[in-house]
């Protein structure tokens, strides 16, 4: 595999087709896989997810992907979690029960507070206020991305926060710790902003 190749992880619940098409539109060779053996190759890893956190983690577990994903991240392979895939980077989630995540970042996933006066789920375009992070090179603070989620990552370490977004309350909308990245928004639905994020990650 070449340096620009990437693996798109199939947990059985992700919106793989749209993410796959978005990456291919950038001229990047990406392969969809649910085979744990592929994670030994050292390729860049994209982990998209939609739906309930527990179902997503069960999909990873059923395919034998949890430990290989942890090992790849700890080994230093570039790793990008998208939407629920970002939430899975954290310790645990409170969505429809208590579920463990991959535990690569400290924090937990909680539901938006209805008292904020905003509709839940948070659906639509919203702004990104980011730090100096590889994912956002070539973009401008305040650029818009597309979101669709009811839960968000709380108690993330300030040093891990790469972007924040205001939805009646400020929440972490992107993270980075060394080789580990995550975005709560959907880059495949975020037009040029999203394509830039994907290209920045895969081409480094």
N, C-alpha and C. Protein backbone atom coordinates (compact mmCIF):
# COMPACT_ATOMS: atom_id res chain seq x y z
N UNK A 1 0.84 -1.20 0.00
CA UNK A 1 0.00 0.00 0.00
C UNK A 1 0.88 1.25 0.00
N UNK A 2 0.44 2.31 -0.66
CA UNK A 2 1.20 3.54 -0.72
C UNK A 2 0.90 4.41 0.49
N UNK A 3 1.66 5.48 0.64
CA UNK A 3 1.51 6.35 1.79
C UNK A 3 0.12 6.97 1.85
N UNK A 4 -0.50 7.18 0.70
CA UNK A 4 -1.79 7.85 0.69
C UNK A 4 -2.95 6.87 0.81
N UNK A 5 -2.68 5.59 0.92
CA UNK A 5 -3.75 4.62 1.08
C UNK A 5 -4.34 4.71 2.48
N UNK A 6 -5.59 4.30 2.59
CA UNK A 6 -6.28 4.35 3.87
C UNK A 6 -7.24 3.18 3.97
N UNK A 7 -7.55 2.83 5.20
CA UNK A 7 -8.53 1.78 5.49
C UNK A 7 -9.78 2.42 6.08
N UNK A 8 -10.93 2.07 5.55
CA UNK A 8 -12.22 2.53 6.04
C UNK A 8 -12.86 1.36 6.77
N UNK A 9 -13.01 1.48 8.08
CA UNK A 9 -13.43 0.36 8.90
C UNK A 9 -14.95 0.20 8.87
N UNK A 10 -15.39 -1.01 8.57
CA UNK A 10 -16.81 -1.36 8.52
C UNK A 10 -17.21 -2.05 9.82
N UNK A 11 -17.95 -1.31 10.66
CA UNK A 11 -18.45 -1.86 11.92
C UNK A 11 -19.87 -2.40 11.77
N UNK A 12 -20.41 -2.33 10.56
CA UNK A 12 -21.76 -2.82 10.32
C UNK A 12 -22.83 -1.78 10.56
N UNK A 13 -22.45 -0.59 11.06
CA UNK A 13 -23.45 0.43 11.36
C UNK A 13 -23.09 1.78 10.75
N UNK A 14 -21.93 1.91 10.12
CA UNK A 14 -21.48 3.20 9.61
C UNK A 14 -22.06 3.52 8.24
N UNK A 15 -22.07 4.81 7.93
CA UNK A 15 -22.53 5.25 6.60
C UNK A 15 -21.34 5.21 5.65
N UNK A 16 -20.90 3.99 5.35
CA UNK A 16 -19.65 3.81 4.62
C UNK A 16 -19.70 4.34 3.19
N UNK A 17 -20.82 4.17 2.53
CA UNK A 17 -20.88 4.52 1.10
C UNK A 17 -20.56 5.99 0.89
N UNK A 18 -21.17 6.88 1.66
CA UNK A 18 -20.95 8.31 1.43
C UNK A 18 -19.54 8.72 1.82
N UNK A 19 -19.00 8.14 2.89
CA UNK A 19 -17.62 8.45 3.28
C UNK A 19 -16.66 7.92 2.22
N UNK A 20 -16.91 6.71 1.76
CA UNK A 20 -16.07 6.09 0.73
C UNK A 20 -16.04 6.95 -0.53
N UNK A 21 -17.19 7.39 -0.98
CA UNK A 21 -17.28 8.20 -2.19
C UNK A 21 -16.55 9.53 -2.01
N UNK A 22 -16.69 10.13 -0.82
CA UNK A 22 -16.04 11.42 -0.57
C UNK A 22 -14.52 11.28 -0.65
N UNK A 23 -13.98 10.21 -0.07
CA UNK A 23 -12.53 10.02 -0.10
C UNK A 23 -12.06 9.70 -1.51
N UNK A 24 -12.80 8.86 -2.21
CA UNK A 24 -12.42 8.52 -3.59
C UNK A 24 -12.44 9.75 -4.48
N UNK A 25 -13.33 10.70 -4.21
CA UNK A 25 -13.41 11.91 -5.02
C UNK A 25 -12.14 12.75 -4.93
N UNK A 26 -11.34 12.49 -3.89
CA UNK A 26 -10.08 13.20 -3.71
C UNK A 26 -8.92 12.49 -4.40
N UNK A 27 -9.22 11.39 -5.09
CA UNK A 27 -8.18 10.64 -5.77
C UNK A 27 -7.37 9.77 -4.84
N UNK A 28 -7.95 9.43 -3.70
CA UNK A 28 -7.26 8.63 -2.69
C UNK A 28 -7.72 7.18 -2.77
N UNK A 29 -6.80 6.27 -2.72
CA UNK A 29 -7.10 4.84 -2.74
C UNK A 29 -7.47 4.39 -1.33
N UNK A 30 -8.75 4.14 -1.11
CA UNK A 30 -9.23 3.72 0.20
C UNK A 30 -9.90 2.36 0.08
N UNK A 31 -9.68 1.52 1.08
CA UNK A 31 -10.24 0.17 1.05
C UNK A 31 -11.15 -0.03 2.25
N UNK A 32 -12.36 -0.52 2.00
CA UNK A 32 -13.29 -0.85 3.08
C UNK A 32 -12.94 -2.23 3.63
N UNK A 33 -12.88 -2.35 4.95
CA UNK A 33 -12.53 -3.63 5.54
C UNK A 33 -13.17 -3.82 6.91
N UNK A 34 -13.43 -5.07 7.24
CA UNK A 34 -13.82 -5.45 8.60
C UNK A 34 -12.89 -6.56 9.10
N UNK A 35 -11.76 -6.72 8.43
CA UNK A 35 -10.80 -7.78 8.75
C UNK A 35 -9.74 -7.25 9.72
N UNK A 36 -9.66 -7.78 10.93
CA UNK A 36 -8.67 -7.31 11.90
C UNK A 36 -7.24 -7.41 11.38
N UNK A 37 -6.97 -8.38 10.52
CA UNK A 37 -5.61 -8.56 10.00
C UNK A 37 -5.14 -7.34 9.20
N UNK A 38 -6.08 -6.63 8.56
CA UNK A 38 -5.70 -5.47 7.77
C UNK A 38 -5.13 -4.35 8.62
N UNK A 39 -5.47 -4.35 9.90
CA UNK A 39 -5.03 -3.28 10.78
C UNK A 39 -3.56 -3.41 11.15
N UNK A 40 -2.91 -4.47 10.71
CA UNK A 40 -1.48 -4.64 10.97
C UNK A 40 -0.62 -3.95 9.93
N UNK A 41 -1.25 -3.40 8.89
CA UNK A 41 -0.50 -2.87 7.76
C UNK A 41 0.11 -1.50 8.01
N UNK A 42 -0.36 -0.80 9.03
CA UNK A 42 0.16 0.54 9.30
C UNK A 42 -0.47 1.63 8.45
N UNK A 43 -1.59 1.33 7.80
CA UNK A 43 -2.28 2.33 6.97
C UNK A 43 -3.01 3.34 7.85
N UNK A 44 -3.39 4.44 7.23
CA UNK A 44 -4.26 5.40 7.92
C UNK A 44 -5.65 4.79 8.09
N UNK A 45 -6.22 4.98 9.25
CA UNK A 45 -7.47 4.33 9.62
C UNK A 45 -8.57 5.36 9.78
N UNK A 46 -9.70 5.14 9.10
CA UNK A 46 -10.89 5.97 9.28
C UNK A 46 -11.99 5.10 9.86
N UNK A 47 -12.58 5.58 10.95
CA UNK A 47 -13.62 4.83 11.65
C UNK A 47 -14.90 5.67 11.71
N UNK A 48 -15.78 5.54 10.69
CA UNK A 48 -17.04 6.28 10.71
C UNK A 48 -18.10 5.50 11.47
N UNK A 49 -19.06 6.23 12.04
CA UNK A 49 -20.14 5.54 12.74
C UNK A 49 -21.38 6.40 12.81
N UNK A 50 -22.53 5.76 12.74
CA UNK A 50 -23.82 6.42 12.95
C UNK A 50 -24.66 5.51 13.83
N UNK A 51 -25.76 6.07 14.36
CA UNK A 51 -26.64 5.25 15.19
C UNK A 51 -26.21 5.23 16.64
N UNK A 52 -26.69 4.23 17.38
CA UNK A 52 -26.45 4.13 18.81
C UNK A 52 -25.04 3.66 19.11
N UNK A 53 -24.46 4.23 20.14
CA UNK A 53 -23.09 3.92 20.55
C UNK A 53 -22.93 2.44 20.86
N UNK A 54 -23.87 1.87 21.64
CA UNK A 54 -23.77 0.46 22.04
C UNK A 54 -23.77 -0.47 20.84
N UNK A 55 -24.63 -0.21 19.87
CA UNK A 55 -24.69 -1.05 18.67
C UNK A 55 -23.40 -0.95 17.87
N UNK A 56 -22.84 0.26 17.82
CA UNK A 56 -21.59 0.47 17.10
C UNK A 56 -20.46 -0.33 17.74
N UNK A 57 -20.33 -0.24 19.06
CA UNK A 57 -19.27 -0.96 19.75
C UNK A 57 -19.48 -2.47 19.63
N UNK A 58 -20.73 -2.92 19.65
CA UNK A 58 -20.99 -4.35 19.48
C UNK A 58 -20.59 -4.81 18.09
N UNK A 59 -20.81 -3.96 17.09
CA UNK A 59 -20.39 -4.30 15.73
C UNK A 59 -18.88 -4.47 15.65
N UNK A 60 -18.13 -3.58 16.32
CA UNK A 60 -16.67 -3.72 16.35
C UNK A 60 -16.26 -5.00 17.08
N UNK A 61 -16.94 -5.25 18.20
CA UNK A 61 -16.60 -6.43 19.00
C UNK A 61 -16.87 -7.72 18.24
N UNK A 62 -18.00 -7.78 17.56
CA UNK A 62 -18.37 -9.00 16.82
C UNK A 62 -17.39 -9.30 15.70
N UNK A 63 -16.74 -8.28 15.18
CA UNK A 63 -15.78 -8.46 14.09
C UNK A 63 -14.34 -8.61 14.60
N UNK A 64 -14.18 -8.60 15.91
CA UNK A 64 -12.85 -8.75 16.48
C UNK A 64 -11.95 -7.55 16.24
N UNK A 65 -12.56 -6.36 16.17
CA UNK A 65 -11.80 -5.17 15.79
C UNK A 65 -11.34 -4.31 16.96
N UNK A 66 -11.90 -4.52 18.14
CA UNK A 66 -11.62 -3.58 19.24
C UNK A 66 -10.14 -3.57 19.62
N UNK A 67 -9.57 -4.71 19.94
CA UNK A 67 -8.16 -4.72 20.32
C UNK A 67 -7.24 -4.33 19.18
N UNK A 68 -7.46 -4.81 17.94
CA UNK A 68 -6.61 -4.36 16.84
C UNK A 68 -6.66 -2.84 16.62
N UNK A 69 -7.84 -2.23 16.80
CA UNK A 69 -7.93 -0.77 16.67
C UNK A 69 -7.13 -0.09 17.78
N UNK A 70 -7.26 -0.57 19.00
CA UNK A 70 -6.48 0.00 20.11
C UNK A 70 -4.99 -0.14 19.85
N UNK A 71 -4.59 -1.29 19.39
CA UNK A 71 -3.17 -1.53 19.13
C UNK A 71 -2.65 -0.62 18.03
N UNK A 72 -3.44 -0.45 16.97
CA UNK A 72 -3.01 0.42 15.86
C UNK A 72 -2.85 1.85 16.34
N UNK A 73 -3.80 2.33 17.15
CA UNK A 73 -3.72 3.70 17.65
C UNK A 73 -2.51 3.88 18.56
N UNK A 74 -2.28 2.92 19.43
CA UNK A 74 -1.15 3.02 20.36
C UNK A 74 0.18 2.84 19.66
N UNK A 75 0.17 2.15 18.54
CA UNK A 75 1.38 1.94 17.74
C UNK A 75 1.78 3.22 17.01
N UNK A 76 0.82 4.13 16.84
CA UNK A 76 1.11 5.39 16.17
C UNK A 76 0.50 5.52 14.79
N UNK A 77 -0.33 4.55 14.37
CA UNK A 77 -0.99 4.66 13.07
C UNK A 77 -1.96 5.84 13.09
N UNK A 78 -1.99 6.69 12.07
CA UNK A 78 -2.96 7.78 12.02
C UNK A 78 -4.39 7.22 12.08
N UNK A 79 -5.22 7.79 12.92
CA UNK A 79 -6.52 7.21 13.25
C UNK A 79 -7.53 8.35 13.33
N UNK A 80 -8.59 8.29 12.53
CA UNK A 80 -9.64 9.33 12.53
C UNK A 80 -11.00 8.71 12.82
N UNK A 81 -11.61 9.09 13.92
CA UNK A 81 -12.97 8.69 14.24
C UNK A 81 -13.95 9.75 13.77
N UNK A 82 -15.05 9.32 13.15
CA UNK A 82 -16.04 10.24 12.59
C UNK A 82 -17.39 10.00 13.26
N UNK A 83 -18.00 11.06 13.79
CA UNK A 83 -19.30 11.02 14.46
C UNK A 83 -19.26 10.02 15.61
N UNK A 84 -20.03 8.93 15.56
CA UNK A 84 -19.97 7.93 16.63
C UNK A 84 -18.58 7.32 16.71
N UNK A 85 -17.88 7.30 15.58
CA UNK A 85 -16.49 6.83 15.59
C UNK A 85 -15.60 7.71 16.45
N UNK A 86 -15.87 9.02 16.50
CA UNK A 86 -15.14 9.90 17.42
C UNK A 86 -15.55 9.59 18.86
N UNK A 87 -16.83 9.43 19.10
CA UNK A 87 -17.29 9.13 20.46
C UNK A 87 -16.67 7.84 20.98
N UNK A 88 -16.45 6.89 20.08
CA UNK A 88 -15.87 5.60 20.48
C UNK A 88 -14.43 5.73 20.96
N UNK A 89 -13.77 6.84 20.66
CA UNK A 89 -12.41 7.04 21.13
C UNK A 89 -12.35 7.22 22.64
N UNK A 90 -13.47 7.59 23.24
CA UNK A 90 -13.50 7.95 24.66
C UNK A 90 -13.75 6.73 25.55
N UNK A 91 -13.73 6.99 26.85
CA UNK A 91 -13.83 5.90 27.84
C UNK A 91 -15.17 5.18 27.79
N UNK A 92 -16.27 5.96 27.77
CA UNK A 92 -17.58 5.31 27.85
C UNK A 92 -18.67 6.26 27.37
N UNK A 93 -19.87 5.69 27.16
CA UNK A 93 -21.02 6.47 26.72
C UNK A 93 -22.22 6.16 27.61
N UNK A 94 -23.06 7.16 27.78
CA UNK A 94 -24.31 7.01 28.53
C UNK A 94 -25.51 6.88 27.60
N UNK A 95 -25.28 6.63 26.33
CA UNK A 95 -26.39 6.54 25.39
C UNK A 95 -27.13 5.22 25.54
N UNK A 96 -28.39 5.29 26.00
CA UNK A 96 -29.25 4.12 26.16
C UNK A 96 -28.59 3.06 27.06
N UNK A 97 -27.91 3.52 28.10
CA UNK A 97 -27.22 2.61 29.01
C UNK A 97 -25.79 3.06 29.21
N UNK A 98 -24.98 2.18 29.79
CA UNK A 98 -23.55 2.47 29.98
C UNK A 98 -22.74 1.51 29.12
N UNK A 99 -21.92 2.07 28.24
CA UNK A 99 -21.13 1.24 27.32
C UNK A 99 -19.69 1.74 27.31
N UNK A 100 -18.76 0.82 27.31
CA UNK A 100 -17.35 1.17 27.22
C UNK A 100 -16.98 1.51 25.79
N UNK A 101 -16.11 2.52 25.63
CA UNK A 101 -15.54 2.84 24.34
C UNK A 101 -14.16 2.22 24.20
N UNK A 102 -13.39 2.74 23.28
CA UNK A 102 -12.04 2.23 23.06
C UNK A 102 -11.06 2.68 24.14
N UNK A 103 -11.41 3.74 24.86
CA UNK A 103 -10.57 4.20 25.95
C UNK A 103 -9.26 4.82 25.51
N UNK A 104 -9.21 5.38 24.31
CA UNK A 104 -7.99 6.01 23.82
C UNK A 104 -7.87 7.45 24.30
N UNK A 105 -9.00 8.07 24.65
CA UNK A 105 -9.04 9.42 25.18
C UNK A 105 -9.90 9.43 26.44
N UNK A 106 -9.54 10.29 27.38
CA UNK A 106 -10.32 10.41 28.62
C UNK A 106 -11.58 11.22 28.35
N UNK A 107 -12.69 10.79 28.96
CA UNK A 107 -13.95 11.51 28.82
C UNK A 107 -15.10 10.55 28.61
N UNK A 108 -16.31 11.08 28.63
CA UNK A 108 -17.48 10.25 28.41
C UNK A 108 -18.48 10.95 27.51
N UNK A 109 -19.34 10.16 26.91
CA UNK A 109 -20.32 10.65 25.95
C UNK A 109 -21.66 10.80 26.66
N UNK A 110 -22.24 12.00 26.62
CA UNK A 110 -23.49 12.30 27.31
C UNK A 110 -24.45 12.99 26.35
N UNK A 111 -25.73 13.04 26.77
CA UNK A 111 -26.76 13.64 25.92
C UNK A 111 -26.80 15.15 26.11
N UNK A 112 -27.14 15.86 25.05
CA UNK A 112 -27.35 17.30 25.16
C UNK A 112 -28.42 17.59 26.19
N UNK A 113 -28.25 18.66 26.90
CA UNK A 113 -29.20 19.11 27.91
C UNK A 113 -30.39 19.77 27.21
N UNK A 114 -31.59 19.23 27.41
CA UNK A 114 -32.79 19.80 26.79
C UNK A 114 -33.05 21.24 27.28
N UNK A 115 -32.50 21.57 28.45
CA UNK A 115 -32.74 22.90 29.01
C UNK A 115 -32.00 23.99 28.26
N UNK A 116 -31.15 23.62 27.32
CA UNK A 116 -30.42 24.62 26.54
C UNK A 116 -31.34 25.40 25.60
N UNK A 117 -32.58 24.88 25.42
CA UNK A 117 -33.53 25.54 24.54
C UNK A 117 -33.34 25.21 23.08
N UNK A 118 -32.44 24.28 22.78
CA UNK A 118 -32.20 23.86 21.41
C UNK A 118 -32.80 22.48 21.18
N UNK A 119 -33.18 22.22 19.95
CA UNK A 119 -33.74 20.92 19.60
C UNK A 119 -32.65 19.84 19.66
N UNK A 120 -33.03 18.69 20.13
CA UNK A 120 -32.14 17.52 20.15
C UNK A 120 -32.81 16.45 19.31
N UNK A 121 -32.13 15.90 18.29
CA UNK A 121 -30.70 16.03 18.00
C UNK A 121 -30.28 17.37 17.41
N UNK A 122 -29.00 17.64 17.55
CA UNK A 122 -28.37 18.77 16.91
C UNK A 122 -28.14 18.40 15.44
N UNK A 123 -28.95 18.96 14.57
CA UNK A 123 -28.92 18.59 13.15
C UNK A 123 -28.80 19.84 12.29
N UNK A 124 -27.79 19.83 11.42
CA UNK A 124 -27.63 20.94 10.49
C UNK A 124 -26.23 21.54 10.55
N UNK A 125 -26.10 22.72 9.97
CA UNK A 125 -24.80 23.37 9.83
C UNK A 125 -24.48 24.19 11.07
N UNK A 126 -23.22 24.09 11.50
CA UNK A 126 -22.78 24.88 12.65
C UNK A 126 -21.29 25.16 12.50
N UNK A 127 -20.82 26.12 13.28
CA UNK A 127 -19.45 26.61 13.11
C UNK A 127 -18.43 25.81 13.91
N UNK A 128 -17.22 25.81 13.36
CA UNK A 128 -16.07 25.18 14.01
C UNK A 128 -15.10 26.26 14.46
N UNK A 129 -14.75 26.20 15.73
CA UNK A 129 -13.75 27.12 16.28
C UNK A 129 -12.58 26.26 16.71
N UNK A 130 -11.56 26.23 15.86
CA UNK A 130 -10.52 25.24 16.04
C UNK A 130 -9.17 25.85 16.41
N UNK A 131 -8.31 24.96 16.91
CA UNK A 131 -6.94 25.31 17.24
C UNK A 131 -6.06 24.98 16.03
N UNK A 132 -4.77 25.10 16.21
CA UNK A 132 -3.82 24.74 15.15
C UNK A 132 -3.74 23.22 15.08
N UNK A 133 -4.47 22.64 14.15
CA UNK A 133 -4.59 21.18 14.05
C UNK A 133 -4.46 20.79 12.58
N UNK A 134 -3.78 19.70 12.33
CA UNK A 134 -3.59 19.19 10.97
C UNK A 134 -4.90 19.14 10.19
N UNK A 135 -5.98 18.69 10.82
CA UNK A 135 -7.25 18.49 10.10
C UNK A 135 -7.78 19.77 9.47
N UNK A 136 -7.47 20.92 10.06
CA UNK A 136 -8.10 22.17 9.66
C UNK A 136 -7.19 23.09 8.86
N UNK A 137 -6.07 22.57 8.39
CA UNK A 137 -5.18 23.38 7.56
C UNK A 137 -5.90 23.81 6.28
N UNK A 138 -5.79 25.08 5.96
CA UNK A 138 -6.45 25.62 4.77
C UNK A 138 -7.86 26.09 5.02
N UNK A 139 -8.37 25.90 6.24
CA UNK A 139 -9.72 26.36 6.59
C UNK A 139 -9.64 27.61 7.46
N UNK A 140 -10.79 28.22 7.70
CA UNK A 140 -10.86 29.43 8.50
C UNK A 140 -11.71 29.19 9.76
N UNK A 141 -11.27 29.74 10.86
CA UNK A 141 -12.06 29.63 12.08
C UNK A 141 -13.45 30.21 11.84
N UNK A 142 -14.45 29.45 12.25
CA UNK A 142 -15.83 29.86 12.00
C UNK A 142 -16.44 29.21 10.78
N UNK A 143 -15.65 28.44 10.03
CA UNK A 143 -16.22 27.69 8.90
C UNK A 143 -17.28 26.71 9.41
N UNK A 144 -18.22 26.38 8.51
CA UNK A 144 -19.35 25.55 8.89
C UNK A 144 -19.16 24.09 8.47
N UNK A 145 -19.66 23.19 9.33
CA UNK A 145 -19.69 21.76 9.04
C UNK A 145 -21.08 21.24 9.38
N UNK A 146 -21.38 20.04 8.89
CA UNK A 146 -22.72 19.47 9.06
C UNK A 146 -22.72 18.46 10.21
N UNK A 147 -23.67 18.64 11.15
CA UNK A 147 -23.78 17.79 12.33
C UNK A 147 -25.12 17.05 12.34
N UNK A 148 -25.14 15.90 13.01
CA UNK A 148 -26.39 15.18 13.27
C UNK A 148 -26.15 14.23 14.44
N UNK A 149 -26.40 14.72 15.66
CA UNK A 149 -26.12 13.91 16.85
C UNK A 149 -26.90 14.44 18.05
N UNK A 150 -27.19 13.53 18.97
CA UNK A 150 -27.87 13.86 20.23
C UNK A 150 -26.92 13.80 21.41
N UNK A 151 -25.78 13.16 21.23
CA UNK A 151 -24.80 12.96 22.30
C UNK A 151 -23.48 13.61 21.89
N UNK A 152 -22.71 14.00 22.89
CA UNK A 152 -21.43 14.66 22.61
C UNK A 152 -20.41 14.21 23.65
N UNK A 153 -19.15 14.48 23.38
CA UNK A 153 -18.06 14.06 24.24
C UNK A 153 -17.83 15.11 25.32
N UNK A 154 -18.10 14.74 26.57
CA UNK A 154 -17.94 15.65 27.71
C UNK A 154 -16.65 15.32 28.45
N UNK A 155 -16.14 16.29 29.18
CA UNK A 155 -14.98 16.11 30.04
C UNK A 155 -13.72 15.74 29.27
N UNK A 156 -13.69 16.06 27.97
CA UNK A 156 -12.44 15.83 27.23
C UNK A 156 -11.35 16.71 27.81
N UNK A 157 -10.13 16.21 27.84
CA UNK A 157 -9.02 17.01 28.33
C UNK A 157 -8.83 18.23 27.42
N UNK A 158 -8.59 19.40 28.02
CA UNK A 158 -8.38 20.59 27.18
C UNK A 158 -7.28 20.39 26.15
N UNK A 159 -6.27 19.63 26.49
CA UNK A 159 -5.16 19.39 25.55
C UNK A 159 -5.57 18.52 24.38
N UNK A 160 -6.69 17.79 24.50
CA UNK A 160 -7.17 16.94 23.41
C UNK A 160 -8.16 17.65 22.50
N UNK A 161 -8.67 18.80 22.93
CA UNK A 161 -9.70 19.50 22.15
C UNK A 161 -9.06 20.22 20.97
N UNK A 162 -9.50 19.86 19.76
CA UNK A 162 -8.99 20.49 18.55
C UNK A 162 -9.98 21.50 17.99
N UNK A 163 -11.27 21.36 18.33
CA UNK A 163 -12.28 22.31 17.88
C UNK A 163 -13.47 22.26 18.83
N UNK A 164 -14.15 23.38 18.92
CA UNK A 164 -15.38 23.45 19.71
C UNK A 164 -16.47 24.07 18.86
N UNK A 165 -17.72 23.81 19.26
CA UNK A 165 -18.90 24.31 18.56
C UNK A 165 -19.93 24.70 19.61
N UNK A 166 -20.70 25.74 19.34
CA UNK A 166 -21.70 26.22 20.27
C UNK A 166 -23.08 25.75 19.82
N UNK A 167 -23.75 25.00 20.70
CA UNK A 167 -25.14 24.61 20.45
C UNK A 167 -25.91 24.79 21.76
N UNK A 168 -26.07 26.03 22.16
CA UNK A 168 -26.68 26.33 23.45
C UNK A 168 -25.71 26.11 24.58
N UNK A 169 -24.67 25.38 24.31
CA UNK A 169 -23.56 25.13 25.21
C UNK A 169 -22.37 24.80 24.32
N UNK A 170 -21.19 25.09 24.80
CA UNK A 170 -20.00 24.76 24.02
C UNK A 170 -19.67 23.28 24.20
N UNK A 171 -19.39 22.60 23.11
CA UNK A 171 -19.00 21.20 23.20
C UNK A 171 -17.81 20.93 22.29
N UNK A 172 -17.12 19.85 22.58
CA UNK A 172 -15.95 19.46 21.79
C UNK A 172 -16.41 18.84 20.48
N UNK A 173 -16.06 19.47 19.36
CA UNK A 173 -16.49 18.97 18.05
C UNK A 173 -15.36 18.32 17.25
N UNK A 174 -14.13 18.39 17.77
CA UNK A 174 -13.00 17.68 17.17
C UNK A 174 -11.93 17.49 18.23
N UNK A 175 -11.19 16.42 18.11
CA UNK A 175 -10.12 16.12 19.06
C UNK A 175 -8.86 15.71 18.32
N UNK A 176 -7.74 15.88 19.00
CA UNK A 176 -6.47 15.34 18.52
C UNK A 176 -5.55 15.08 19.70
N UNK A 177 -4.98 13.90 19.72
CA UNK A 177 -3.87 13.60 20.61
C UNK A 177 -2.85 12.81 19.79
N UNK A 178 -1.77 13.49 19.43
CA UNK A 178 -0.73 12.88 18.61
C UNK A 178 -1.35 12.31 17.32
N UNK A 179 -1.34 11.00 17.14
CA UNK A 179 -1.85 10.39 15.89
C UNK A 179 -3.34 10.13 15.90
N UNK A 180 -4.02 10.42 17.01
CA UNK A 180 -5.44 10.12 17.16
C UNK A 180 -6.27 11.38 16.93
N UNK A 181 -7.21 11.31 15.98
CA UNK A 181 -8.07 12.43 15.63
C UNK A 181 -9.54 12.00 15.72
N UNK A 182 -10.42 12.96 15.91
CA UNK A 182 -11.84 12.67 15.85
C UNK A 182 -12.61 13.91 15.48
N UNK A 183 -13.70 13.73 14.72
CA UNK A 183 -14.59 14.84 14.38
C UNK A 183 -16.03 14.39 14.65
N UNK A 184 -16.78 15.24 15.35
CA UNK A 184 -18.17 14.92 15.65
C UNK A 184 -19.07 15.18 14.44
N UNK A 185 -18.67 16.09 13.59
CA UNK A 185 -19.46 16.40 12.40
C UNK A 185 -19.22 15.34 11.32
N UNK A 186 -20.01 15.45 10.25
CA UNK A 186 -19.90 14.53 9.12
C UNK A 186 -19.12 15.20 8.00
N UNK A 187 -17.84 14.89 7.81
CA UNK A 187 -17.08 15.53 6.73
C UNK A 187 -17.63 15.20 5.35
N UNK A 188 -18.20 14.00 5.20
CA UNK A 188 -18.72 13.61 3.89
C UNK A 188 -19.97 14.39 3.50
N UNK A 189 -20.57 15.11 4.46
CA UNK A 189 -21.75 15.94 4.20
C UNK A 189 -21.44 17.43 4.32
N UNK A 190 -20.19 17.75 4.56
CA UNK A 190 -19.80 19.13 4.87
C UNK A 190 -19.14 19.84 3.70
N UNK A 191 -19.41 19.37 2.49
CA UNK A 191 -18.95 20.02 1.26
C UNK A 191 -17.44 20.24 1.30
N UNK A 192 -16.96 21.40 0.86
CA UNK A 192 -15.51 21.61 0.72
C UNK A 192 -14.79 21.56 2.06
N UNK A 193 -15.43 22.04 3.10
CA UNK A 193 -14.81 21.97 4.43
C UNK A 193 -14.52 20.52 4.81
N UNK A 194 -15.50 19.66 4.61
CA UNK A 194 -15.32 18.25 4.95
C UNK A 194 -14.29 17.56 4.09
N UNK A 195 -14.29 17.88 2.79
CA UNK A 195 -13.30 17.29 1.90
C UNK A 195 -11.89 17.72 2.28
N UNK A 196 -11.75 18.96 2.70
CA UNK A 196 -10.44 19.45 3.14
C UNK A 196 -9.98 18.69 4.38
N UNK A 197 -10.89 18.46 5.32
CA UNK A 197 -10.55 17.70 6.54
C UNK A 197 -10.08 16.29 6.17
N UNK A 198 -10.83 15.62 5.30
CA UNK A 198 -10.45 14.26 4.90
C UNK A 198 -9.10 14.24 4.18
N UNK A 199 -8.91 15.19 3.28
CA UNK A 199 -7.65 15.23 2.54
C UNK A 199 -6.48 15.51 3.48
N UNK A 200 -6.66 16.45 4.42
CA UNK A 200 -5.60 16.76 5.37
C UNK A 200 -5.22 15.53 6.18
N UNK A 201 -6.23 14.73 6.58
CA UNK A 201 -5.92 13.55 7.38
C UNK A 201 -5.18 12.51 6.56
N UNK A 202 -5.71 12.19 5.40
CA UNK A 202 -5.13 11.08 4.63
C UNK A 202 -3.76 11.43 4.05
N UNK A 203 -3.61 12.68 3.63
CA UNK A 203 -2.33 13.06 3.01
C UNK A 203 -1.35 13.63 4.02
N UNK A 204 -1.84 13.91 5.23
CA UNK A 204 -0.96 14.30 6.33
C UNK A 204 -0.20 15.58 6.11
